[in-house]
Amino acid sequence: MSDKQKFELLFQKLSSFNDFLLTTHSNSDPDGIGSEIGLYYLLTKLGKSVRILNPDKTPEKYTFMDPQCRITYIDPDRMTNFYDSSTVVILDNSDLKRIGEVQNFIKKDLSNLIAIDHHDEVDYYSGLFLFSDIGSTAEIVCELFEIAGIEPDYTSALALYLGIVMDTGQFKYSKTRPRTYEIASKLVRHNFPVEEILRKLYEDYPYERLFLKRDIYQTLSVEPENGLASVVVTHEVLKKYKNSNGLGEGIANELLGPKEIFIAVMFTELPDSKVKISFRSKGNYNVCNVAKEFLGGGHANAAGAVVNGDLSKTKKEILSKLRDLYKHTTLE
């Protein structure tokens, strides 16, 4: 089935329901948030009842994307059966474990579930609409606007644009298509201040991030002979910068700057003997395959995983896998 046919089928399925609960993965990002805000507007214009409920709070850096505060989050103190009759739509994710307690509103037979995702090599199930050759979920939502013949308003256009920008790496990643630029060009016709919003997205961070980066870069390891660079965020550093959630984002991407480096990885030591691994790459080096070996996933050039185990042992094992990836990848 072509993507165009899947877009039509997805739109038909959405049109057949009336009450919706939209959600995305925990620690939401601009693609998940933008897709929620965009689909919220589209469905309400179609006369549907729509709510957004996420597994946790929107990261502070991205709250400007939701000026109407439409996004709510799971609060155990006010959990109700309010959403039990809703069709649950998961955006930018297909892994039920990553939506936390929101999955309690999904029926066991998944009959009230629609998942819209664009990540690579995910497990298929009924209700999943996967577009793995598209660079962002926000693009998928924009295609639904086209089918409906409805224009996004200013707020949803801005949110969708930021989702596309973030997940295509500012139009640099390999899944960026000519159609991606067409969609983006229509969104920017809403005349939002592109320079200002991109600064909010990438630059307007607290000054503490400079010190956090200094501490992280002290752990830098570079292996040009293996096209590899890595850094570590220790538990001590996390405690030192108590409100550091999100401040380290982008560092793994920075490691890919040198022309000799093709694979980058950042290890973050979490509580309870867990390690978060952020993989990045350029070219044909598919780090998603390595992430999947550790029950993670993502895209060919950007993936992640969380593993149980000692930091030192995990780091040694991952770096060995990445060295093998570098040696056995054929360049086009």
Foldseek 3Di string as FASTA:
>chain_A
DDPLVLLVVVLVVLLVDAAEEEEEFPQDDLQQVLLLVLVVQVNVVVVHHYAYEAQDDHPPLCCVLCPVPRHHYDDVVDDDCVCLPHQYEYEQDDDLVRRPPVCVSADPQNPSYAYEHQFPDDDDDPRYRYNVLAQGRLLSSLVNCVVVVHDGALSSLVSSLRRLCVRCVNVPRPSRDPVSVVSNVSSCVNVDDVVVVVCSVPPPDDPVLVVLVVVFCVQWDDDLVLLEIETEAEPVSCVVVVSCVPSCPPPQVVVNPDPSHFKYWYWYQDPPQKIKIWIAGDAQQQCQVVQVVQVWGGHRGTIIHMHHHHPVVVVVVSVVVSSVSSVPDDGD
